Amino acid sequence: MTRLIFLGPPGAGKGTQAQTLAEHLSIPHISTGEILRQAMKEQTHLGIKAQGYVDSGELVPDQLVQDLVQERLNQPDAKNGWILDGFPRKVTQAGFLEKLLEEIHQSGERVVNLDAPDEVVIARLLARGRKDDTEEVIRRRLEVYRAETAPLINYYGDRKKLLTVNGNQSQEDVTSELQKVIVS
């Protein structure tokens, strides 16, 4: 049973690699950004709540994101494994997830840190050509990542759940390395 949490800076390739690996393992790739967009599109109870925050330019509160993750992990297709991408983003969310997984009898998760140097991820994100991906904005996102998300690396490392993969390789090499460390 494969349950993976993907960590790494913006532009490290988490989404791409999670998607590829999820297809290879026939398990869902659960992206919190996607869950949020889907819930808002479907106008679910939680989606309507989230829409209010998004429309006013606010961050969606932790509790709401946690509720969405809980709802998603309780769906039938997630019973046999999943790859979580974009959650947890903070140590407090990791604590919530740990308790949730115990409650729903889905422990045994491993954490993959897809690591890549700042200059590499900046170049990748600039190459995407999105208008909100300016170098200044990207550097700010990396600062936020280092401050809020990077402590998760120690959190999961202390729990002996962390696997680090070099994200500064070709997409195929990263996929190959991921498949080796996940299967082992």
N, C-alpha and C. Protein backbone atom coordinates (compact mmCIF):
# COMPACT_ATOMS: atom_id res chain seq x y z
N MET A 1 0.85 -1.18 0.00
CA MET A 1 0.00 0.00 0.00
C MET A 1 0.89 1.24 0.00
N THR A 2 0.75 2.08 -1.00
CA THR A 2 1.62 3.25 -1.14
C THR A 2 0.88 4.51 -0.73
N ARG A 3 1.40 5.17 0.29
CA ARG A 3 0.88 6.47 0.72
C ARG A 3 2.07 7.41 0.80
N LEU A 4 2.07 8.41 -0.08
CA LEU A 4 3.22 9.31 -0.18
C LEU A 4 2.80 10.76 -0.03
N ILE A 5 3.65 11.52 0.63
CA ILE A 5 3.49 12.96 0.74
C ILE A 5 4.66 13.56 -0.03
N PHE A 6 4.38 14.44 -0.97
CA PHE A 6 5.43 15.10 -1.75
C PHE A 6 5.72 16.48 -1.19
N LEU A 7 6.98 16.74 -0.85
CA LEU A 7 7.45 18.05 -0.42
C LEU A 7 8.47 18.54 -1.44
N GLY A 8 8.73 19.83 -1.40
CA GLY A 8 9.75 20.41 -2.27
C GLY A 8 9.36 21.82 -2.63
N PRO A 9 10.33 22.63 -3.03
CA PRO A 9 10.04 24.02 -3.37
C PRO A 9 9.18 24.12 -4.63
N PRO A 10 8.52 25.28 -4.81
CA PRO A 10 7.76 25.49 -6.05
C PRO A 10 8.71 25.29 -7.24
N GLY A 11 8.26 24.60 -8.26
CA GLY A 11 9.10 24.40 -9.45
C GLY A 11 10.01 23.20 -9.38
N ALA A 12 9.95 22.44 -8.28
CA ALA A 12 10.82 21.26 -8.16
C ALA A 12 10.30 20.08 -8.99
N GLY A 13 9.04 20.16 -9.43
CA GLY A 13 8.47 19.09 -10.24
C GLY A 13 7.54 18.16 -9.49
N LYS A 14 7.08 18.58 -8.32
CA LYS A 14 6.22 17.72 -7.49
C LYS A 14 4.97 17.26 -8.23
N GLY A 15 4.26 18.21 -8.82
CA GLY A 15 3.01 17.88 -9.50
C GLY A 15 3.21 16.91 -10.65
N THR A 16 4.20 17.20 -11.47
CA THR A 16 4.51 16.34 -12.62
C THR A 16 4.89 14.94 -12.17
N GLN A 17 5.79 14.86 -11.19
CA GLN A 17 6.25 13.55 -10.73
C GLN A 17 5.15 12.79 -9.98
N ALA A 18 4.35 13.50 -9.19
CA ALA A 18 3.26 12.86 -8.46
C ALA A 18 2.26 12.26 -9.44
N GLN A 19 1.95 13.00 -10.50
CA GLN A 19 1.01 12.53 -11.52
C GLN A 19 1.55 11.26 -12.20
N THR A 20 2.80 11.29 -12.61
CA THR A 20 3.42 10.15 -13.29
C THR A 20 3.44 8.93 -12.39
N LEU A 21 3.87 9.12 -11.14
CA LEU A 21 3.97 8.01 -10.20
C LEU A 21 2.59 7.46 -9.84
N ALA A 22 1.62 8.35 -9.67
CA ALA A 22 0.25 7.92 -9.34
C ALA A 22 -0.32 7.04 -10.45
N GLU A 23 -0.09 7.44 -11.70
CA GLU A 23 -0.55 6.63 -12.84
C GLU A 23 0.15 5.27 -12.84
N HIS A 24 1.46 5.28 -12.60
CA HIS A 24 2.25 4.05 -12.58
C HIS A 24 1.77 3.09 -11.48
N LEU A 25 1.38 3.65 -10.33
CA LEU A 25 0.95 2.83 -9.19
C LEU A 25 -0.57 2.62 -9.12
N SER A 26 -1.30 3.25 -10.04
CA SER A 26 -2.78 3.19 -10.05
C SER A 26 -3.40 3.63 -8.73
N ILE A 27 -2.91 4.76 -8.23
CA ILE A 27 -3.48 5.38 -7.03
C ILE A 27 -3.75 6.85 -7.34
N PRO A 28 -4.64 7.50 -6.58
CA PRO A 28 -4.93 8.90 -6.89
C PRO A 28 -3.80 9.86 -6.51
N HIS A 29 -3.60 10.85 -7.37
CA HIS A 29 -2.71 11.98 -7.07
C HIS A 29 -3.63 13.04 -6.49
N ILE A 30 -3.45 13.33 -5.21
CA ILE A 30 -4.33 14.27 -4.53
C ILE A 30 -3.58 15.59 -4.33
N SER A 31 -3.95 16.56 -5.15
CA SER A 31 -3.36 17.89 -5.08
C SER A 31 -4.35 18.78 -4.34
N THR A 32 -3.91 19.41 -3.24
CA THR A 32 -4.85 20.25 -2.50
C THR A 32 -5.35 21.42 -3.35
N GLY A 33 -4.51 21.93 -4.23
CA GLY A 33 -4.97 22.99 -5.13
C GLY A 33 -6.10 22.49 -6.01
N GLU A 34 -5.96 21.28 -6.54
CA GLU A 34 -7.00 20.68 -7.38
C GLU A 34 -8.27 20.42 -6.58
N ILE A 35 -8.13 19.89 -5.35
CA ILE A 35 -9.30 19.62 -4.50
C ILE A 35 -10.07 20.92 -4.29
N LEU A 36 -9.33 21.98 -4.01
CA LEU A 36 -9.94 23.28 -3.76
C LEU A 36 -10.69 23.78 -4.99
N ARG A 37 -10.02 23.72 -6.14
CA ARG A 37 -10.66 24.19 -7.39
C ARG A 37 -11.89 23.35 -7.71
N GLN A 38 -11.79 22.03 -7.51
CA GLN A 38 -12.91 21.13 -7.80
C GLN A 38 -14.09 21.41 -6.87
N ALA A 39 -13.81 21.58 -5.58
CA ALA A 39 -14.88 21.84 -4.60
C ALA A 39 -15.58 23.16 -4.92
N MET A 40 -14.82 24.17 -5.36
CA MET A 40 -15.42 25.45 -5.72
C MET A 40 -16.24 25.32 -7.00
N LYS A 41 -15.72 24.56 -7.96
CA LYS A 41 -16.42 24.36 -9.22
C LYS A 41 -17.75 23.63 -9.00
N GLU A 42 -17.69 22.60 -8.14
CA GLU A 42 -18.90 21.80 -7.86
C GLU A 42 -19.82 22.46 -6.84
N GLN A 43 -19.37 23.59 -6.30
CA GLN A 43 -20.16 24.33 -5.31
C GLN A 43 -20.56 23.46 -4.11
N THR A 44 -19.60 22.62 -3.64
CA THR A 44 -19.86 21.83 -2.44
C THR A 44 -19.90 22.78 -1.25
N HIS A 45 -20.36 22.27 -0.11
CA HIS A 45 -20.44 23.10 1.10
C HIS A 45 -19.07 23.74 1.39
N LEU A 46 -18.01 22.92 1.38
CA LEU A 46 -16.67 23.43 1.66
C LEU A 46 -16.17 24.32 0.51
N GLY A 47 -16.55 23.99 -0.70
CA GLY A 47 -16.16 24.77 -1.87
C GLY A 47 -16.71 26.19 -1.83
N ILE A 48 -17.96 26.31 -1.40
CA ILE A 48 -18.60 27.64 -1.29
C ILE A 48 -17.88 28.47 -0.22
N LYS A 49 -17.55 27.82 0.89
CA LYS A 49 -16.80 28.51 1.95
C LYS A 49 -15.45 28.99 1.42
N ALA A 50 -14.73 28.09 0.72
CA ALA A 50 -13.41 28.42 0.19
C ALA A 50 -13.50 29.56 -0.82
N GLN A 51 -14.53 29.56 -1.66
CA GLN A 51 -14.70 30.57 -2.70
C GLN A 51 -14.71 31.98 -2.10
N GLY A 52 -15.36 32.12 -0.95
CA GLY A 52 -15.41 33.42 -0.29
C GLY A 52 -14.03 33.96 0.03
N TYR A 53 -13.14 33.08 0.51
CA TYR A 53 -11.77 33.50 0.82
C TYR A 53 -11.00 33.83 -0.45
N VAL A 54 -11.13 32.97 -1.45
CA VAL A 54 -10.41 33.15 -2.71
C VAL A 54 -10.85 34.46 -3.39
N ASP A 55 -12.17 34.70 -3.41
CA ASP A 55 -12.69 35.91 -4.05
C ASP A 55 -12.19 37.18 -3.39
N SER A 56 -11.96 37.12 -2.08
CA SER A 56 -11.48 38.31 -1.39
C SER A 56 -9.95 38.37 -1.32
N GLY A 57 -9.28 37.43 -2.00
CA GLY A 57 -7.82 37.44 -2.06
C GLY A 57 -7.14 36.90 -0.82
N GLU A 58 -7.90 36.27 0.05
CA GLU A 58 -7.35 35.72 1.29
C GLU A 58 -6.86 34.30 1.09
N LEU A 59 -5.96 33.85 1.96
CA LEU A 59 -5.57 32.44 1.97
C LEU A 59 -6.71 31.64 2.58
N VAL A 60 -6.94 30.47 2.04
CA VAL A 60 -7.97 29.59 2.60
C VAL A 60 -7.43 29.09 3.95
N PRO A 61 -8.22 29.24 5.04
CA PRO A 61 -7.73 28.85 6.36
C PRO A 61 -7.38 27.36 6.46
N ASP A 62 -6.40 27.06 7.33
CA ASP A 62 -5.96 25.68 7.55
C ASP A 62 -7.13 24.73 7.79
N GLN A 63 -8.05 25.13 8.66
CA GLN A 63 -9.15 24.23 9.03
C GLN A 63 -9.95 23.80 7.80
N LEU A 64 -10.19 24.73 6.91
CA LEU A 64 -10.96 24.43 5.70
C LEU A 64 -10.18 23.49 4.78
N VAL A 65 -8.89 23.74 4.63
CA VAL A 65 -8.05 22.86 3.81
C VAL A 65 -8.01 21.47 4.44
N GLN A 66 -7.86 21.42 5.77
CA GLN A 66 -7.84 20.14 6.47
C GLN A 66 -9.14 19.37 6.28
N ASP A 67 -10.26 20.08 6.34
CA ASP A 67 -11.56 19.44 6.11
C ASP A 67 -11.65 18.85 4.70
N LEU A 68 -11.14 19.59 3.72
CA LEU A 68 -11.14 19.11 2.33
C LEU A 68 -10.26 17.87 2.18
N VAL A 69 -9.08 17.88 2.82
CA VAL A 69 -8.18 16.73 2.76
C VAL A 69 -8.83 15.52 3.43
N GLN A 70 -9.45 15.75 4.58
CA GLN A 70 -10.12 14.65 5.29
C GLN A 70 -11.21 14.04 4.43
N GLU A 71 -12.02 14.90 3.82
CA GLU A 71 -13.11 14.44 2.95
C GLU A 71 -12.53 13.61 1.78
N ARG A 72 -11.43 14.10 1.19
CA ARG A 72 -10.84 13.42 0.03
C ARG A 72 -10.22 12.07 0.40
N LEU A 73 -9.52 12.01 1.55
CA LEU A 73 -8.87 10.75 1.95
C LEU A 73 -9.88 9.69 2.37
N ASN A 74 -11.11 10.11 2.65
CA ASN A 74 -12.16 9.16 3.02
C ASN A 74 -12.90 8.62 1.80
N GLN A 75 -12.56 9.08 0.61
CA GLN A 75 -13.22 8.58 -0.60
C GLN A 75 -12.68 7.19 -0.94
N PRO A 76 -13.52 6.33 -1.53
CA PRO A 76 -13.15 4.93 -1.78
C PRO A 76 -11.84 4.74 -2.56
N ASP A 77 -11.57 5.59 -3.55
CA ASP A 77 -10.36 5.38 -4.36
C ASP A 77 -9.07 5.65 -3.58
N ALA A 78 -9.16 6.27 -2.40
CA ALA A 78 -7.97 6.57 -1.61
C ALA A 78 -7.67 5.49 -0.57
N LYS A 79 -8.51 4.50 -0.49
CA LYS A 79 -8.33 3.45 0.52
C LYS A 79 -7.07 2.62 0.26
N ASN A 80 -6.70 2.45 -1.00
CA ASN A 80 -5.56 1.59 -1.35
C ASN A 80 -4.27 2.35 -1.61
N GLY A 81 -4.24 3.62 -1.23
CA GLY A 81 -3.04 4.40 -1.40
C GLY A 81 -3.32 5.73 -2.09
N TRP A 82 -2.34 6.63 -2.03
CA TRP A 82 -2.48 7.97 -2.60
C TRP A 82 -1.13 8.68 -2.58
N ILE A 83 -1.07 9.75 -3.36
CA ILE A 83 0.07 10.66 -3.31
C ILE A 83 -0.52 12.04 -3.00
N LEU A 84 -0.08 12.62 -1.91
CA LEU A 84 -0.56 13.92 -1.46
C LEU A 84 0.45 14.99 -1.87
N ASP A 85 -0.03 16.00 -2.58
CA ASP A 85 0.82 17.04 -3.14
C ASP A 85 0.25 18.40 -2.74
N GLY A 86 1.01 19.17 -1.96
CA GLY A 86 0.54 20.49 -1.54
C GLY A 86 -0.01 20.50 -0.12
N PHE A 87 0.05 19.38 0.54
CA PHE A 87 -0.40 19.27 1.93
C PHE A 87 0.35 18.12 2.57
N PRO A 88 0.85 18.27 3.75
CA PRO A 88 0.84 19.47 4.58
C PRO A 88 1.87 20.50 4.10
N ARG A 89 1.60 21.76 4.44
CA ARG A 89 2.54 22.84 4.14
C ARG A 89 3.22 23.37 5.39
N LYS A 90 2.69 23.01 6.54
CA LYS A 90 3.25 23.47 7.82
C LYS A 90 3.27 22.30 8.80
N VAL A 91 4.10 22.42 9.83
CA VAL A 91 4.21 21.37 10.84
C VAL A 91 2.86 21.14 11.54
N THR A 92 2.09 22.22 11.77
CA THR A 92 0.78 22.04 12.41
C THR A 92 -0.13 21.18 11.54
N GLN A 93 -0.08 21.37 10.22
CA GLN A 93 -0.88 20.55 9.31
C GLN A 93 -0.39 19.11 9.31
N ALA A 94 0.92 18.91 9.45
CA ALA A 94 1.48 17.55 9.51
C ALA A 94 0.95 16.82 10.75
N GLY A 95 0.86 17.53 11.86
CA GLY A 95 0.30 16.95 13.08
C GLY A 95 -1.15 16.55 12.88
N PHE A 96 -1.92 17.43 12.23
CA PHE A 96 -3.32 17.12 11.93
C PHE A 96 -3.40 15.86 11.06
N LEU A 97 -2.57 15.80 10.01
CA LEU A 97 -2.60 14.67 9.08
C LEU A 97 -2.24 13.37 9.78
N GLU A 98 -1.25 13.43 10.65
CA GLU A 98 -0.85 12.24 11.40
C GLU A 98 -2.03 11.67 12.21
N LYS A 99 -2.74 12.55 12.91
CA LYS A 99 -3.91 12.13 13.70
C LYS A 99 -5.02 11.60 12.80
N LEU A 100 -5.27 12.29 11.70
CA LEU A 100 -6.31 11.88 10.76
C LEU A 100 -6.02 10.48 10.22
N LEU A 101 -4.78 10.23 9.80
CA LEU A 101 -4.42 8.93 9.23
C LEU A 101 -4.58 7.81 10.26
N GLU A 102 -4.29 8.11 11.51
CA GLU A 102 -4.52 7.11 12.57
C GLU A 102 -6.01 6.82 12.68
N GLU A 103 -6.82 7.88 12.71
CA GLU A 103 -8.28 7.74 12.86
C GLU A 103 -8.89 6.91 11.73
N ILE A 104 -8.42 7.13 10.51
CA ILE A 104 -9.03 6.43 9.37
C ILE A 104 -8.21 5.19 8.97
N HIS A 105 -7.32 4.78 9.86
CA HIS A 105 -6.51 3.56 9.68
C HIS A 105 -5.74 3.55 8.36
N GLN A 106 -5.06 4.67 8.10
CA GLN A 106 -4.24 4.78 6.89
C GLN A 106 -2.83 5.25 7.22
N SER A 107 -2.20 4.60 8.17
CA SER A 107 -0.84 5.01 8.53
C SER A 107 0.15 4.38 7.55
N GLY A 108 1.43 4.59 7.81
CA GLY A 108 2.46 3.99 6.96
C GLY A 108 2.89 4.87 5.81
N GLU A 109 2.56 6.16 5.89
CA GLU A 109 2.93 7.06 4.80
C GLU A 109 4.43 7.35 4.83
N ARG A 110 4.96 7.64 3.66
CA ARG A 110 6.35 8.07 3.53
C ARG A 110 6.35 9.44 2.86
N VAL A 111 7.42 10.17 3.09
CA VAL A 111 7.49 11.55 2.60
C VAL A 111 8.66 11.67 1.63
N VAL A 112 8.37 12.19 0.44
CA VAL A 112 9.40 12.38 -0.58
C VAL A 112 9.69 13.86 -0.67
N ASN A 113 10.94 14.22 -0.41
CA ASN A 113 11.38 15.60 -0.57
C ASN A 113 12.08 15.71 -1.92
N LEU A 114 11.43 16.38 -2.85
CA LEU A 114 12.00 16.60 -4.17
C LEU A 114 12.81 17.89 -4.09
N ASP A 115 14.11 17.75 -4.00
CA ASP A 115 14.98 18.89 -3.73
C ASP A 115 15.60 19.43 -5.02
N ALA A 116 15.62 20.74 -5.13
CA ALA A 116 16.28 21.40 -6.27
C ALA A 116 16.75 22.77 -5.83
N PRO A 117 17.92 23.22 -6.32
CA PRO A 117 18.45 24.53 -5.92
C PRO A 117 17.55 25.68 -6.40
N ASP A 118 17.58 26.77 -5.64
CA ASP A 118 16.74 27.94 -5.97
C ASP A 118 16.90 28.40 -7.41
N GLU A 119 18.15 28.51 -7.88
CA GLU A 119 18.36 29.03 -9.23
C GLU A 119 17.72 28.14 -10.29
N VAL A 120 17.70 26.84 -10.04
CA VAL A 120 17.09 25.90 -10.99
C VAL A 120 15.58 26.07 -11.01
N VAL A 121 14.96 26.15 -9.82
CA VAL A 121 13.50 26.28 -9.80
C VAL A 121 13.06 27.65 -10.31
N ILE A 122 13.86 28.68 -10.06
CA ILE A 122 13.53 30.01 -10.60
C ILE A 122 13.53 29.96 -12.12
N ALA A 123 14.56 29.36 -12.70
CA ALA A 123 14.65 29.25 -14.17
C ALA A 123 13.46 28.45 -14.72
N ARG A 124 13.11 27.34 -14.06
CA ARG A 124 11.97 26.52 -14.52
C ARG A 124 10.67 27.31 -14.47
N LEU A 125 10.44 28.00 -13.36
CA LEU A 125 9.19 28.73 -13.21
C LEU A 125 9.11 29.91 -14.18
N LEU A 126 10.24 30.58 -14.43
CA LEU A 126 10.23 31.67 -15.42
C LEU A 126 9.95 31.13 -16.82
N ALA A 127 10.45 29.93 -17.09
CA ALA A 127 10.25 29.32 -18.41
C ALA A 127 8.79 28.93 -18.67
N ARG A 128 8.01 28.73 -17.59
CA ARG A 128 6.59 28.39 -17.77
C ARG A 128 5.83 29.53 -18.44
N GLY A 129 6.34 30.76 -18.20
CA GLY A 129 5.74 31.92 -18.86
C GLY A 129 4.43 32.38 -18.28
N ARG A 130 4.09 31.99 -17.06
CA ARG A 130 2.86 32.52 -16.45
C ARG A 130 3.10 33.96 -16.05
N LYS A 131 2.07 34.79 -16.24
CA LYS A 131 2.31 36.22 -16.01
C LYS A 131 2.56 36.55 -14.53
N ASP A 132 2.09 35.69 -13.59
CA ASP A 132 2.35 35.96 -12.17
C ASP A 132 3.69 35.38 -11.73
N ASP A 133 4.41 34.72 -12.63
CA ASP A 133 5.70 34.13 -12.30
C ASP A 133 6.85 35.08 -12.65
N THR A 134 6.93 36.21 -11.95
CA THR A 134 8.08 37.10 -12.12
C THR A 134 9.17 36.60 -11.17
N GLU A 135 10.40 36.98 -11.44
CA GLU A 135 11.49 36.52 -10.58
C GLU A 135 11.27 36.97 -9.14
N GLU A 136 10.80 38.19 -8.96
CA GLU A 136 10.56 38.73 -7.61
C GLU A 136 9.50 37.88 -6.87
N VAL A 137 8.41 37.57 -7.55
CA VAL A 137 7.33 36.77 -6.95
C VAL A 137 7.84 35.35 -6.63
N ILE A 138 8.59 34.79 -7.55
CA ILE A 138 9.13 33.43 -7.35
C ILE A 138 10.07 33.41 -6.14
N ARG A 139 10.95 34.41 -6.04
CA ARG A 139 11.87 34.46 -4.89
C ARG A 139 11.09 34.60 -3.58
N ARG A 140 10.00 35.35 -3.60
CA ARG A 140 9.14 35.49 -2.41
C ARG A 140 8.50 34.15 -2.07
N ARG A 141 8.01 33.43 -3.07
CA ARG A 141 7.40 32.12 -2.82
C ARG A 141 8.42 31.16 -2.23
N LEU A 142 9.66 31.24 -2.69
CA LEU A 142 10.72 30.39 -2.13
C LEU A 142 11.02 30.76 -0.68
N GLU A 143 10.99 32.06 -0.36
CA GLU A 143 11.18 32.49 1.04
C GLU A 143 10.08 31.91 1.92
N VAL A 144 8.85 32.01 1.46
CA VAL A 144 7.71 31.48 2.21
C VAL A 144 7.86 29.97 2.37
N TYR A 145 8.26 29.31 1.30
CA TYR A 145 8.48 27.86 1.37
C TYR A 145 9.53 27.53 2.43
N ARG A 146 10.67 28.22 2.38
CA ARG A 146 11.75 27.94 3.34
C ARG A 146 11.29 28.18 4.77
N ALA A 147 10.50 29.23 4.98
CA ALA A 147 10.05 29.56 6.34
C ALA A 147 8.97 28.60 6.85
N GLU A 148 8.00 28.26 6.00
CA GLU A 148 6.85 27.50 6.47
C GLU A 148 6.95 26.01 6.18
N THR A 149 7.36 25.64 4.98
CA THR A 149 7.30 24.24 4.58
C THR A 149 8.58 23.48 4.86
N ALA A 150 9.73 24.12 4.68
CA ALA A 150 10.99 23.43 4.90
C ALA A 150 11.11 22.77 6.29
N PRO A 151 10.55 23.36 7.37
CA PRO A 151 10.63 22.67 8.67
C PRO A 151 10.00 21.27 8.66
N LEU A 152 9.14 21.00 7.70
CA LEU A 152 8.55 19.66 7.57
C LEU A 152 9.63 18.61 7.26
N ILE A 153 10.69 19.04 6.60
CA ILE A 153 11.77 18.12 6.27
C ILE A 153 12.38 17.55 7.56
N ASN A 154 12.61 18.44 8.53
CA ASN A 154 13.11 17.97 9.84
C ASN A 154 12.06 17.15 10.57
N TYR A 155 10.81 17.61 10.52
CA TYR A 155 9.71 16.92 11.19
C TYR A 155 9.61 15.46 10.74
N TYR A 156 9.61 15.26 9.42
CA TYR A 156 9.50 13.89 8.90
C TYR A 156 10.82 13.14 8.99
N GLY A 157 11.94 13.85 8.90
CA GLY A 157 13.24 13.22 9.07
C GLY A 157 13.37 12.63 10.47
N ASP A 158 12.94 13.38 11.48
CA ASP A 158 12.98 12.91 12.87
C ASP A 158 12.11 11.66 13.06
N ARG A 159 11.07 11.52 12.24
CA ARG A 159 10.16 10.37 12.33
C ARG A 159 10.59 9.22 11.41
N LYS A 160 11.75 9.37 10.77
CA LYS A 160 12.30 8.34 9.88
C LYS A 160 11.36 8.00 8.72
N LYS A 161 10.67 9.02 8.20
CA LYS A 161 9.74 8.81 7.09
C LYS A 161 10.19 9.51 5.82
N LEU A 162 11.34 10.21 5.88
CA LEU A 162 11.75 11.08 4.78
C LEU A 162 12.69 10.41 3.79
N LEU A 163 12.37 10.57 2.51
CA LEU A 163 13.24 10.14 1.41
C LEU A 163 13.53 11.41 0.60
N THR A 164 14.80 11.68 0.31
CA THR A 164 15.11 12.86 -0.49
C THR A 164 15.56 12.41 -1.88
N VAL A 165 14.99 13.07 -2.89
CA VAL A 165 15.30 12.77 -4.28
C VAL A 165 15.80 14.06 -4.93
N ASN A 166 16.86 13.94 -5.72
CA ASN A 166 17.43 15.09 -6.41
C ASN A 166 16.51 15.50 -7.56
N GLY A 167 15.88 16.66 -7.40
CA GLY A 167 14.99 17.16 -8.44
C GLY A 167 15.72 17.93 -9.53
N ASN A 168 17.04 18.05 -9.41
CA ASN A 168 17.83 18.78 -10.39
C ASN A 168 18.42 17.80 -11.42
N GLN A 169 17.54 17.03 -12.04
CA GLN A 169 17.90 16.07 -13.09
C GLN A 169 16.83 16.16 -14.16
N SER A 170 17.00 15.40 -15.22
CA SER A 170 15.95 15.37 -16.24
C SER A 170 14.70 14.76 -15.62
N GLN A 171 13.55 15.09 -16.19
CA GLN A 171 12.27 14.57 -15.70
C GLN A 171 12.30 13.04 -15.65
N GLU A 172 12.87 12.40 -16.67
CA GLU A 172 12.92 10.94 -16.74
C GLU A 172 13.79 10.37 -15.63
N ASP A 173 14.93 11.03 -15.35
CA ASP A 173 15.83 10.55 -14.29
C ASP A 173 15.19 10.68 -12.92
N VAL A 174 14.46 11.77 -12.70
CA VAL A 174 13.76 11.95 -11.42
C VAL A 174 12.72 10.84 -11.26
N THR A 175 11.95 10.59 -12.32
CA THR A 175 10.92 9.54 -12.28
C THR A 175 11.56 8.20 -11.96
N SER A 176 12.66 7.89 -12.62
CA SER A 176 13.36 6.63 -12.42
C SER A 176 13.85 6.50 -10.97
N GLU A 177 14.45 7.57 -10.46
CA GLU A 177 14.95 7.55 -9.07
C GLU A 177 13.79 7.40 -8.09
N LEU A 178 12.69 8.09 -8.35
CA LEU A 178 11.51 7.98 -7.48
C LEU A 178 11.00 6.54 -7.46
N GLN A 179 10.89 5.93 -8.63
CA GLN A 179 10.38 4.56 -8.68
C GLN A 179 11.30 3.62 -7.91
N LYS A 180 12.60 3.85 -7.96
CA LYS A 180 13.54 3.00 -7.21
C LYS A 180 13.36 3.13 -5.70
N VAL A 181 13.26 4.39 -5.21
CA VAL A 181 13.17 4.58 -3.76
C VAL A 181 11.79 4.22 -3.21
N ILE A 182 10.75 4.32 -4.02
CA ILE A 182 9.39 4.00 -3.56
C ILE A 182 9.22 2.49 -3.47
N VAL A 183 9.74 1.78 -4.43
CA VAL A 183 9.58 0.32 -4.48
C VAL A 183 10.43 -0.34 -3.39
N SER A 184 11.58 0.27 -3.06
CA SER A 184 12.49 -0.36 -2.08
C SER A 184 11.92 -0.37 -0.68
